[in-house]
Amino acid sequence: MKRHAERPVLITDAATSQEDQLHSRQIRYVSMMAVRTGCLVLGAILISARPPLLPLWLILCGLGMVLLPWMAVLIANDRPPKTKAERAADAAAREDTRRALTRPVPEPDHITIDVEVVDEARGRTG
């Protein structure tokens, strides 16, 4: 028989659907790639305008173009952080597993007698 939770689960406590999570990750990825494209365009404009400290600006644009794809992939593949309830449930499950593994093994209620051992003890064979 299943035990039910003491309190009913509210729809507002439900996790975000997989489709919504995927959509938000796609939006983050595309926005980071747009910033990367902006770094490329800004670098081209800076080269033609020749502002002061041009090498510094070009290094910053280059770092943005190199690091943003790496960060975008990491962020897009990451799941949303766990809620307090999910963390508490994980901790309770780990504690239950630890208790189950460290529980002492009970002694058997019956005694097993091996006939061959008894016969050898009496000096009989066979």
N, C-alpha and C. Protein backbone atom coordinates (compact mmCIF):
# COMPACT_ATOMS: atom_id res chain seq x y z
N MET A 1 0.83 -1.17 0.00
CA MET A 1 0.00 0.00 0.00
C MET A 1 0.88 1.24 0.00
N LYS A 2 0.59 2.17 -0.86
CA LYS A 2 1.38 3.39 -0.96
C LYS A 2 0.97 4.35 0.15
N ARG A 3 1.99 5.02 0.68
CA ARG A 3 1.70 6.08 1.65
C ARG A 3 1.62 7.39 0.90
N HIS A 4 0.61 8.14 1.19
CA HIS A 4 0.43 9.44 0.54
C HIS A 4 1.10 10.52 1.38
N ALA A 5 1.50 11.56 0.72
CA ALA A 5 2.12 12.67 1.43
C ALA A 5 1.10 13.30 2.38
N GLU A 6 1.61 13.89 3.43
CA GLU A 6 0.72 14.51 4.39
C GLU A 6 -0.03 15.69 3.78
N ARG A 7 0.66 16.44 2.93
CA ARG A 7 0.02 17.58 2.27
C ARG A 7 -0.12 17.27 0.79
N PRO A 8 -1.20 17.72 0.17
CA PRO A 8 -1.34 17.49 -1.28
C PRO A 8 -0.31 18.31 -2.05
N VAL A 9 0.07 17.82 -3.21
CA VAL A 9 1.02 18.52 -4.06
C VAL A 9 0.27 19.63 -4.79
N LEU A 10 0.79 20.83 -4.71
CA LEU A 10 0.17 21.96 -5.39
C LEU A 10 0.75 22.10 -6.79
N ILE A 11 -0.05 22.56 -7.71
CA ILE A 11 0.43 22.72 -9.09
C ILE A 11 1.53 23.78 -9.14
N THR A 12 1.52 24.73 -8.21
CA THR A 12 2.56 25.75 -8.21
C THR A 12 3.90 25.17 -7.75
N ASP A 13 3.87 23.99 -7.10
CA ASP A 13 5.10 23.33 -6.67
C ASP A 13 5.67 22.42 -7.74
N ALA A 14 4.95 22.25 -8.83
CA ALA A 14 5.39 21.34 -9.88
C ALA A 14 6.64 21.88 -10.56
N ALA A 15 7.48 20.97 -11.00
CA ALA A 15 8.71 21.37 -11.70
C ALA A 15 8.37 21.92 -13.08
N THR A 16 9.28 22.71 -13.61
CA THR A 16 9.10 23.24 -14.96
C THR A 16 9.16 22.10 -15.96
N SER A 17 8.30 22.15 -16.96
CA SER A 17 8.25 21.06 -17.93
C SER A 17 9.55 21.02 -18.75
N GLN A 18 9.82 19.87 -19.33
CA GLN A 18 11.03 19.71 -20.14
C GLN A 18 11.02 20.67 -21.33
N GLU A 19 9.85 20.87 -21.93
CA GLU A 19 9.77 21.78 -23.08
C GLU A 19 10.11 23.22 -22.67
N ASP A 20 9.60 23.65 -21.52
CA ASP A 20 9.90 25.01 -21.06
C ASP A 20 11.38 25.16 -20.73
N GLN A 21 11.97 24.14 -20.11
CA GLN A 21 13.40 24.19 -19.81
C GLN A 21 14.21 24.28 -21.10
N LEU A 22 13.86 23.46 -22.09
CA LEU A 22 14.56 23.47 -23.37
C LEU A 22 14.43 24.84 -24.03
N HIS A 23 13.24 25.40 -24.00
CA HIS A 23 13.01 26.70 -24.63
C HIS A 23 13.85 27.79 -23.97
N SER A 24 13.90 27.80 -22.64
CA SER A 24 14.70 28.83 -21.96
C SER A 24 16.19 28.65 -22.24
N ARG A 25 16.65 27.39 -22.32
CA ARG A 25 18.07 27.17 -22.64
C ARG A 25 18.38 27.61 -24.07
N GLN A 26 17.44 27.38 -25.00
CA GLN A 26 17.65 27.81 -26.38
C GLN A 26 17.74 29.34 -26.46
N ILE A 27 16.89 30.01 -25.70
CA ILE A 27 16.91 31.48 -25.71
C ILE A 27 18.25 31.99 -25.16
N ARG A 28 18.73 31.40 -24.07
CA ARG A 28 20.03 31.81 -23.52
C ARG A 28 21.15 31.57 -24.52
N TYR A 29 21.12 30.42 -25.21
CA TYR A 29 22.16 30.10 -26.18
C TYR A 29 22.16 31.10 -27.33
N VAL A 30 20.99 31.36 -27.88
CA VAL A 30 20.90 32.27 -29.02
C VAL A 30 21.31 33.69 -28.61
N SER A 31 20.92 34.11 -27.41
CA SER A 31 21.30 35.46 -26.98
C SER A 31 22.82 35.56 -26.79
N MET A 32 23.45 34.52 -26.28
CA MET A 32 24.91 34.55 -26.13
C MET A 32 25.61 34.54 -27.49
N MET A 33 25.05 33.82 -28.44
CA MET A 33 25.64 33.82 -29.78
C MET A 33 25.43 35.18 -30.46
N ALA A 34 24.34 35.87 -30.12
CA ALA A 34 24.13 37.22 -30.66
C ALA A 34 25.18 38.18 -30.09
N VAL A 35 25.50 38.03 -28.81
CA VAL A 35 26.57 38.86 -28.22
C VAL A 35 27.90 38.54 -28.89
N ARG A 36 28.12 37.28 -29.21
CA ARG A 36 29.36 36.91 -29.91
C ARG A 36 29.42 37.58 -31.29
N THR A 37 28.31 37.56 -31.99
CA THR A 37 28.25 38.22 -33.29
C THR A 37 28.49 39.72 -33.14
N GLY A 38 27.93 40.29 -32.05
CA GLY A 38 28.17 41.71 -31.78
C GLY A 38 29.65 42.00 -31.55
N CYS A 39 30.36 41.07 -30.89
CA CYS A 39 31.81 41.24 -30.69
C CYS A 39 32.54 41.27 -32.03
N LEU A 40 32.13 40.41 -32.95
CA LEU A 40 32.76 40.37 -34.27
C LEU A 40 32.52 41.67 -35.03
N VAL A 41 31.26 42.14 -35.02
CA VAL A 41 30.93 43.38 -35.73
C VAL A 41 31.65 44.57 -35.08
N LEU A 42 31.66 44.60 -33.73
CA LEU A 42 32.35 45.68 -33.03
C LEU A 42 33.85 45.67 -33.36
N GLY A 43 34.46 44.49 -33.43
CA GLY A 43 35.87 44.40 -33.79
C GLY A 43 36.13 44.97 -35.18
N ALA A 44 35.24 44.66 -36.13
CA ALA A 44 35.40 45.20 -37.49
C ALA A 44 35.25 46.71 -37.51
N ILE A 45 34.30 47.23 -36.74
CA ILE A 45 34.10 48.69 -36.69
C ILE A 45 35.30 49.37 -36.03
N LEU A 46 35.82 48.74 -34.97
CA LEU A 46 36.97 49.33 -34.28
C LEU A 46 38.20 49.39 -35.17
N ILE A 47 38.39 48.36 -35.99
CA ILE A 47 39.56 48.35 -36.88
C ILE A 47 39.46 49.51 -37.88
N SER A 48 38.26 49.75 -38.39
CA SER A 48 38.13 50.84 -39.37
C SER A 48 38.16 52.22 -38.69
N ALA A 49 37.72 52.31 -37.43
CA ALA A 49 37.69 53.61 -36.75
C ALA A 49 39.02 53.95 -36.09
N ARG A 50 39.83 52.98 -35.74
CA ARG A 50 41.12 53.15 -35.10
C ARG A 50 41.04 54.04 -33.85
N PRO A 51 40.31 53.59 -32.81
CA PRO A 51 40.23 54.38 -31.57
C PRO A 51 41.51 54.21 -30.75
N PRO A 52 41.65 55.02 -29.69
CA PRO A 52 42.81 54.81 -28.82
C PRO A 52 42.67 53.47 -28.11
N LEU A 53 43.80 52.87 -27.78
CA LEU A 53 43.85 51.55 -27.15
C LEU A 53 43.21 50.45 -28.00
N LEU A 54 43.41 50.56 -29.31
CA LEU A 54 42.82 49.59 -30.24
C LEU A 54 43.21 48.15 -29.92
N PRO A 55 44.48 47.84 -29.60
CA PRO A 55 44.82 46.44 -29.30
C PRO A 55 44.05 45.89 -28.09
N LEU A 56 43.84 46.72 -27.08
CA LEU A 56 43.09 46.28 -25.91
C LEU A 56 41.64 45.95 -26.29
N TRP A 57 41.01 46.81 -27.07
CA TRP A 57 39.63 46.57 -27.50
C TRP A 57 39.53 45.31 -28.37
N LEU A 58 40.52 45.11 -29.23
CA LEU A 58 40.48 43.93 -30.09
C LEU A 58 40.68 42.65 -29.28
N ILE A 59 41.53 42.72 -28.25
CA ILE A 59 41.72 41.54 -27.39
C ILE A 59 40.42 41.21 -26.65
N LEU A 60 39.74 42.26 -26.16
CA LEU A 60 38.46 42.02 -25.47
C LEU A 60 37.42 41.42 -26.41
N CYS A 61 37.35 41.93 -27.63
CA CYS A 61 36.41 41.39 -28.61
C CYS A 61 36.77 39.94 -28.97
N GLY A 62 38.07 39.69 -29.12
CA GLY A 62 38.52 38.32 -29.43
C GLY A 62 38.20 37.35 -28.30
N LEU A 63 38.42 37.78 -27.06
CA LEU A 63 38.08 36.93 -25.92
C LEU A 63 36.58 36.63 -25.89
N GLY A 64 35.77 37.66 -26.18
CA GLY A 64 34.33 37.45 -26.24
C GLY A 64 33.94 36.44 -27.31
N MET A 65 34.60 36.53 -28.47
CA MET A 65 34.26 35.60 -29.57
C MET A 65 34.74 34.18 -29.28
N VAL A 66 35.79 34.03 -28.48
CA VAL A 66 36.32 32.69 -28.18
C VAL A 66 35.61 32.07 -26.96
N LEU A 67 35.41 32.85 -25.92
CA LEU A 67 34.87 32.31 -24.67
C LEU A 67 33.35 32.16 -24.67
N LEU A 68 32.65 33.03 -25.38
CA LEU A 68 31.19 32.96 -25.36
C LEU A 68 30.62 31.64 -25.90
N PRO A 69 31.13 31.06 -26.98
CA PRO A 69 30.56 29.78 -27.42
C PRO A 69 30.75 28.69 -26.37
N TRP A 70 31.91 28.66 -25.73
CA TRP A 70 32.17 27.66 -24.71
C TRP A 70 31.20 27.82 -23.54
N MET A 71 31.04 29.06 -23.07
CA MET A 71 30.13 29.31 -21.96
C MET A 71 28.68 29.05 -22.37
N ALA A 72 28.33 29.37 -23.61
CA ALA A 72 26.95 29.16 -24.07
C ALA A 72 26.60 27.68 -24.09
N VAL A 73 27.52 26.84 -24.51
CA VAL A 73 27.26 25.40 -24.54
C VAL A 73 27.13 24.88 -23.11
N LEU A 74 27.99 25.31 -22.21
CA LEU A 74 27.88 24.86 -20.82
C LEU A 74 26.56 25.29 -20.20
N ILE A 75 26.18 26.52 -20.42
CA ILE A 75 24.94 27.03 -19.83
C ILE A 75 23.72 26.38 -20.48
N ALA A 76 23.76 26.16 -21.79
CA ALA A 76 22.62 25.57 -22.48
C ALA A 76 22.41 24.11 -22.09
N ASN A 77 23.47 23.41 -21.72
CA ASN A 77 23.33 22.00 -21.34
C ASN A 77 23.08 21.81 -19.85
N ASP A 78 23.08 22.88 -19.09
CA ASP A 78 22.90 22.78 -17.64
C ASP A 78 21.42 22.76 -17.31
N ARG A 79 21.07 21.95 -16.29
CA ARG A 79 19.68 21.91 -15.85
C ARG A 79 19.46 23.04 -14.85
N PRO A 80 18.20 23.38 -14.61
CA PRO A 80 17.95 24.42 -13.61
C PRO A 80 18.36 23.94 -12.22
N PRO A 81 18.69 24.84 -11.32
CA PRO A 81 19.11 24.41 -9.98
C PRO A 81 17.96 23.70 -9.26
N LYS A 82 18.34 22.79 -8.36
CA LYS A 82 17.34 22.06 -7.59
C LYS A 82 16.69 22.98 -6.57
N THR A 83 15.43 22.72 -6.32
CA THR A 83 14.72 23.49 -5.30
C THR A 83 15.10 22.95 -3.92
N LYS A 84 14.70 23.67 -2.89
CA LYS A 84 14.98 23.21 -1.53
C LYS A 84 14.31 21.87 -1.27
N ALA A 85 13.11 21.69 -1.80
CA ALA A 85 12.39 20.42 -1.59
C ALA A 85 13.12 19.26 -2.26
N GLU A 86 13.65 19.49 -3.48
CA GLU A 86 14.39 18.43 -4.17
C GLU A 86 15.67 18.09 -3.42
N ARG A 87 16.38 19.11 -2.92
CA ARG A 87 17.59 18.85 -2.15
C ARG A 87 17.28 18.10 -0.87
N ALA A 88 16.18 18.45 -0.20
CA ALA A 88 15.79 17.76 1.03
C ALA A 88 15.42 16.31 0.73
N ALA A 89 14.73 16.07 -0.38
CA ALA A 89 14.36 14.70 -0.75
C ALA A 89 15.60 13.87 -1.07
N ASP A 90 16.58 14.46 -1.75
CA ASP A 90 17.83 13.75 -2.05
C ASP A 90 18.58 13.41 -0.77
N ALA A 91 18.63 14.35 0.17
CA ALA A 91 19.33 14.10 1.43
C ALA A 91 18.63 13.01 2.23
N ALA A 92 17.30 13.01 2.22
CA ALA A 92 16.55 11.97 2.94
C ALA A 92 16.79 10.60 2.30
N ALA A 93 16.83 10.55 0.98
CA ALA A 93 17.08 9.28 0.30
C ALA A 93 18.49 8.77 0.61
N ARG A 94 19.48 9.66 0.64
CA ARG A 94 20.83 9.24 0.98
C ARG A 94 20.90 8.73 2.42
N GLU A 95 20.19 9.39 3.32
CA GLU A 95 20.18 8.97 4.71
C GLU A 95 19.51 7.61 4.86
N ASP A 96 18.41 7.39 4.15
CA ASP A 96 17.73 6.08 4.19
C ASP A 96 18.65 4.99 3.66
N THR A 97 19.38 5.28 2.59
CA THR A 97 20.30 4.30 2.03
C THR A 97 21.42 4.00 3.01
N ARG A 98 21.94 5.04 3.66
CA ARG A 98 23.01 4.84 4.63
C ARG A 98 22.53 3.99 5.81
N ARG A 99 21.32 4.26 6.28
CA ARG A 99 20.76 3.47 7.38
C ARG A 99 20.58 2.01 6.97
N ALA A 100 20.10 1.80 5.74
CA ALA A 100 19.87 0.43 5.28
C ALA A 100 21.19 -0.33 5.15
N LEU A 101 22.24 0.36 4.73
CA LEU A 101 23.53 -0.31 4.55
C LEU A 101 24.25 -0.57 5.86
N THR A 102 23.99 0.25 6.88
CA THR A 102 24.69 0.09 8.16
C THR A 102 23.86 -0.66 9.20
N ARG A 103 22.66 -1.08 8.84
CA ARG A 103 21.80 -1.82 9.77
C ARG A 103 22.43 -3.18 10.05
N PRO A 104 22.50 -3.59 11.34
CA PRO A 104 23.10 -4.90 11.65
C PRO A 104 22.22 -6.03 11.12
N VAL A 105 22.88 -7.11 10.71
CA VAL A 105 22.16 -8.27 10.20
C VAL A 105 21.64 -9.06 11.39
N PRO A 106 20.35 -9.35 11.43
CA PRO A 106 19.79 -10.08 12.58
C PRO A 106 20.26 -11.54 12.57
N GLU A 107 20.39 -12.08 13.78
CA GLU A 107 20.76 -13.48 13.92
C GLU A 107 19.58 -14.34 13.48
N PRO A 108 19.86 -15.48 12.85
CA PRO A 108 18.74 -16.33 12.41
C PRO A 108 18.03 -16.92 13.63
N ASP A 109 16.72 -17.16 13.49
CA ASP A 109 15.92 -17.71 14.57
C ASP A 109 16.04 -19.24 14.66
N HIS A 110 16.65 -19.85 13.70
CA HIS A 110 16.74 -21.31 13.67
C HIS A 110 18.20 -21.75 13.59
N ILE A 111 18.45 -23.00 13.92
CA ILE A 111 19.79 -23.56 13.88
C ILE A 111 19.82 -24.57 12.74
N THR A 112 20.84 -24.49 11.92
CA THR A 112 21.01 -25.43 10.83
C THR A 112 22.00 -26.50 11.26
N ILE A 113 21.59 -27.74 11.12
CA ILE A 113 22.47 -28.86 11.49
C ILE A 113 22.88 -29.56 10.22
N ASP A 114 24.18 -29.71 10.05
CA ASP A 114 24.72 -30.40 8.89
C ASP A 114 24.97 -31.85 9.29
N VAL A 115 24.34 -32.80 8.59
CA VAL A 115 24.42 -34.20 8.95
C VAL A 115 25.84 -34.72 8.84
N GLU A 116 26.57 -34.31 7.84
CA GLU A 116 27.93 -34.81 7.66
C GLU A 116 28.83 -34.37 8.81
N VAL A 117 28.67 -33.16 9.31
CA VAL A 117 29.48 -32.67 10.41
C VAL A 117 29.15 -33.47 11.67
N VAL A 118 27.88 -33.78 11.92
CA VAL A 118 27.48 -34.56 13.09
C VAL A 118 28.04 -35.97 13.00
N ASP A 119 27.96 -36.58 11.82
CA ASP A 119 28.48 -37.94 11.63
C ASP A 119 29.98 -37.99 11.86
N GLU A 120 30.72 -37.00 11.37
CA GLU A 120 32.17 -36.99 11.56
C GLU A 120 32.51 -36.80 13.04
N ALA A 121 31.71 -36.02 13.74
CA ALA A 121 31.95 -35.79 15.15
C ALA A 121 31.73 -37.09 15.95
N ARG A 122 30.80 -37.94 15.53
CA ARG A 122 30.53 -39.21 16.21
C ARG A 122 31.47 -40.30 15.76
N GLY A 123 32.20 -40.05 14.70
CA GLY A 123 33.14 -41.06 14.21
C GLY A 123 32.56 -41.96 13.15
N ARG A 124 31.39 -41.68 12.68
CA ARG A 124 30.78 -42.50 11.63
C ARG A 124 31.12 -41.91 10.27
N THR A 125 31.19 -42.70 9.29
CA THR A 125 31.38 -42.27 7.91
C THR A 125 30.32 -42.93 7.07
N GLY A 126 30.00 -42.27 6.04
CA GLY A 126 29.24 -42.75 5.07
C GLY A 126 28.01 -43.10 4.73
